[in-house]
Amino acid sequence: MNDAHLHLVVNHFPIIGTIFGVGILIAGRLLKNNAIKNVSYVIFIVAAIFAFISMSTGEGAEELVEDMPAIGKQIIHEHEEVANNLAYVLYTLAILSLLGLYTNIKNHRKADLFSFLIFIVSLLAVFFAQHVGTSGGEIRHTEIRNNTPQTQSNETEDDD
C-alpha cells in the first residue's frame, strides 16, 4: 500500500466524521444529554487523528499523481491549502472536545460553554470539510471541475 492508497483510505473520515459529529452534537444539545455530547466529542477527536494521518500521507500521494495528465500541480496545491485549514480546525476541535469530555465527566459548570464553543468550531470544520472534499474530488474527477472542456462545450452549445 503506497501513500496515495493510504491517503484515499483515510481521507474520508475527517469529512464524514465531522458531519456526523455535528449531527450528534446537535442531538445531545437539544436533548441536554451529556452522554450523547460525549459521543460527538470522541468522533471529533477520531476525525482529527484521521486528519493527521491524511495530512501525513498527502505529500506522498501528491508525488505519485501530480504529473499525471489532466491533474497538474495547481489543483493539488489548492486542495493542500484547504486541507491544511481543515486540519488546524480539526486539531482545535479535538482539543476543545477533550476539554468538553473533561468538563462533562466532572460536571463542571463550564460544560455548556464548551459544548457551545465546540458546536461553533464544528460548523467551521464542516465548511472546510466540504471544500476539502470537493477540491480532493476534482483532482481525479475532472467531470466535477468548473472549468472542464465538457462544461465549456456545453456552455457554448447553450449559447446557440
Protein backbone atom coordinates (compact mmCIF):
# COMPACT_ATOMS: atom_id res chain seq x y z
CA MET A 1 0.00 0.00 0.00
CA ASN A 2 1.53 3.31 -1.09
CA ASP A 3 0.82 6.79 0.29
CA ALA A 4 -1.78 7.55 -2.38
CA HIS A 5 -3.73 4.41 -1.49
CA LEU A 6 -3.48 5.06 2.25
CA HIS A 7 -4.48 8.69 1.70
CA LEU A 8 -7.59 7.59 -0.17
CA VAL A 9 -8.45 5.10 2.57
CA VAL A 10 -8.23 7.58 5.49
CA ASN A 11 -9.17 10.94 3.98
CA HIS A 12 -12.93 10.41 4.06
CA PHE A 13 -13.32 10.04 7.83
CA PRO A 14 -12.32 13.61 8.77
CA ILE A 15 -15.06 14.86 6.46
CA ILE A 16 -17.79 12.33 7.19
CA GLY A 17 -16.89 12.06 10.88
CA THR A 18 -17.15 15.81 11.32
CA ILE A 19 -20.57 15.89 9.68
CA PHE A 20 -21.83 13.01 11.84
CA GLY A 21 -20.25 14.60 14.91
CA VAL A 22 -22.16 17.84 14.31
CA GLY A 23 -25.45 15.97 13.96
CA ILE A 24 -24.82 14.01 17.14
CA LEU A 25 -23.75 17.15 19.00
CA ILE A 26 -26.96 18.90 17.93
CA ALA A 27 -28.97 15.94 19.27
CA GLY A 28 -27.02 16.00 22.53
CA ARG A 29 -27.54 19.73 22.98
CA LEU A 30 -31.26 19.54 22.16
CA LEU A 31 -31.78 16.60 24.50
CA LYS A 32 -29.42 18.09 27.12
CA ASN A 33 -27.73 14.70 27.27
CA ASN A 34 -24.03 14.71 28.13
CA ALA A 35 -23.53 11.09 27.05
CA ILE A 36 -24.66 11.96 23.53
CA LYS A 37 -22.46 15.07 23.52
CA ASN A 38 -19.53 12.94 24.66
CA VAL A 39 -20.06 10.63 21.67
CA SER A 40 -19.74 13.63 19.34
CA TYR A 41 -16.59 14.76 21.17
CA VAL A 42 -14.99 11.35 20.66
CA ILE A 43 -15.95 11.42 16.98
CA PHE A 44 -14.29 14.84 16.62
CA ILE A 45 -11.13 13.52 18.29
CA VAL A 46 -11.04 10.50 15.98
CA ALA A 47 -11.66 12.79 12.97
CA ALA A 48 -8.62 14.85 13.99
CA ILE A 49 -6.50 11.71 14.27
CA PHE A 50 -7.57 10.63 10.79
CA ALA A 51 -6.88 14.17 9.54
CA PHE A 52 -3.34 13.86 10.87
CA ILE A 53 -2.88 10.55 9.06
CA SER A 54 -4.39 12.01 5.90
CA MET A 55 -2.06 15.02 6.08
CA SER A 56 0.91 12.69 6.67
CA THR A 57 0.12 10.71 3.51
CA GLY A 58 -0.90 13.67 1.35
CA GLU A 59 2.61 14.63 0.28
CA GLY A 60 3.40 11.08 -0.85
CA ALA A 61 0.09 10.92 -2.71
CA GLU A 62 0.90 14.22 -4.40
CA GLU A 63 4.25 12.91 -5.63
CA LEU A 64 2.52 9.94 -7.25
CA VAL A 65 -0.20 11.85 -9.12
CA GLU A 66 0.98 15.42 -9.77
CA ASP A 67 2.46 14.64 -13.19
CA MET A 68 -0.50 12.60 -14.44
CA PRO A 69 -2.42 14.02 -17.41
CA ALA A 70 -5.29 16.41 -16.54
CA ILE A 71 -4.18 16.83 -12.93
CA GLY A 72 -1.41 19.38 -12.54
CA LYS A 73 0.26 20.92 -9.55
CA GLN A 74 -2.12 23.89 -9.17
CA ILE A 75 -5.23 21.85 -8.38
CA ILE A 76 -3.27 19.75 -5.88
CA HIS A 77 -1.86 22.90 -4.27
CA GLU A 78 -5.36 24.33 -3.83
CA HIS A 79 -6.52 21.06 -2.23
CA GLU A 80 -3.49 21.05 0.05
CA GLU A 81 -4.16 24.62 1.23
CA VAL A 82 -7.79 23.92 2.13
CA ALA A 83 -6.81 20.59 3.74
CA ASN A 84 -4.29 22.40 5.95
CA ASN A 85 -7.03 24.77 7.10
CA LEU A 86 -9.35 21.85 7.88
CA ALA A 87 -6.59 20.03 9.76
CA TYR A 88 -5.91 23.04 12.01
CA VAL A 89 -9.62 23.47 12.71
CA LEU A 90 -9.96 19.74 13.49
CA TYR A 91 -6.93 19.83 15.82
CA THR A 92 -8.52 22.77 17.64
CA LEU A 93 -11.83 20.90 17.71
CA ALA A 94 -10.11 17.83 19.18
CA ILE A 95 -8.52 19.88 21.98
CA LEU A 96 -11.84 21.55 22.75
CA SER A 97 -13.52 18.13 22.65
CA LEU A 98 -11.05 16.76 25.18
CA LEU A 99 -11.88 19.71 27.43
CA GLY A 100 -15.59 19.14 26.76
CA LEU A 101 -15.24 15.49 27.80
CA TYR A 102 -13.40 16.52 30.94
CA THR A 103 -15.96 19.17 31.92
CA ASN A 104 -18.86 16.76 31.29
CA ILE A 105 -17.26 13.98 33.31
CA LYS A 106 -16.50 16.36 36.18
CA ASN A 107 -19.94 18.05 35.92
CA HIS A 108 -18.12 21.36 35.65
CA ARG A 109 -20.22 24.50 35.33
CA LYS A 110 -18.41 25.42 32.08
CA ALA A 111 -19.53 22.23 30.30
CA ASP A 112 -22.30 24.10 28.45
CA LEU A 113 -19.88 26.80 27.36
CA PHE A 114 -17.53 24.17 25.92
CA SER A 115 -20.46 22.47 24.21
CA PHE A 116 -21.38 25.74 22.52
CA LEU A 117 -17.76 26.52 21.51
CA ILE A 118 -17.35 23.01 20.13
CA PHE A 119 -20.54 23.42 18.14
CA ILE A 120 -19.34 26.71 16.58
CA VAL A 121 -15.91 25.29 15.72
CA SER A 122 -17.51 22.12 14.33
CA LEU A 123 -19.62 24.22 11.94
CA LEU A 124 -16.42 25.88 10.72
CA ALA A 125 -14.92 22.42 10.30
CA VAL A 126 -17.90 21.29 8.18
CA PHE A 127 -17.42 24.35 5.97
CA PHE A 128 -13.75 23.48 5.37
CA ALA A 129 -14.54 19.77 5.06
CA GLN A 130 -16.92 20.46 2.19
CA HIS A 131 -14.21 22.44 0.39
CA VAL A 132 -11.58 19.77 1.04
CA GLY A 133 -13.85 17.04 -0.26
CA THR A 134 -14.71 18.98 -3.39
CA SER A 135 -11.13 20.02 -4.14
CA GLY A 136 -9.89 16.48 -3.49
CA GLY A 137 -12.53 15.03 -5.76
CA GLU A 138 -11.58 17.47 -8.51
CA ILE A 139 -8.06 16.03 -8.61
CA ARG A 140 -9.14 12.81 -10.31
CA HIS A 141 -12.76 13.53 -11.18
CA THR A 142 -12.46 16.12 -13.91
CA GLU A 143 -16.21 15.97 -14.52
CA ILE A 144 -16.88 17.95 -11.32
CA ARG A 145 -14.46 20.77 -12.11
CA ASN A 146 -15.96 24.11 -13.06
CA ASN A 147 -13.57 24.62 -15.97
CA THR A 148 -13.61 21.26 -17.72
CA PRO A 149 -13.72 21.16 -21.51
CA GLN A 150 -17.06 19.31 -21.27
CA THR A 151 -18.57 22.13 -19.19
CA GLN A 152 -17.16 24.76 -21.52
CA SER A 153 -18.50 22.99 -24.63
CA ASN A 154 -21.96 22.65 -23.02
CA GLU A 155 -21.97 26.37 -22.26
CA THR A 156 -21.08 27.11 -25.88
CA GLU A 157 -23.91 24.88 -27.13
CA ASP A 158 -26.36 26.62 -24.77
CA ASP A 159 -25.45 29.98 -26.32
CA ASP A 160 -26.63 28.85 -29.81
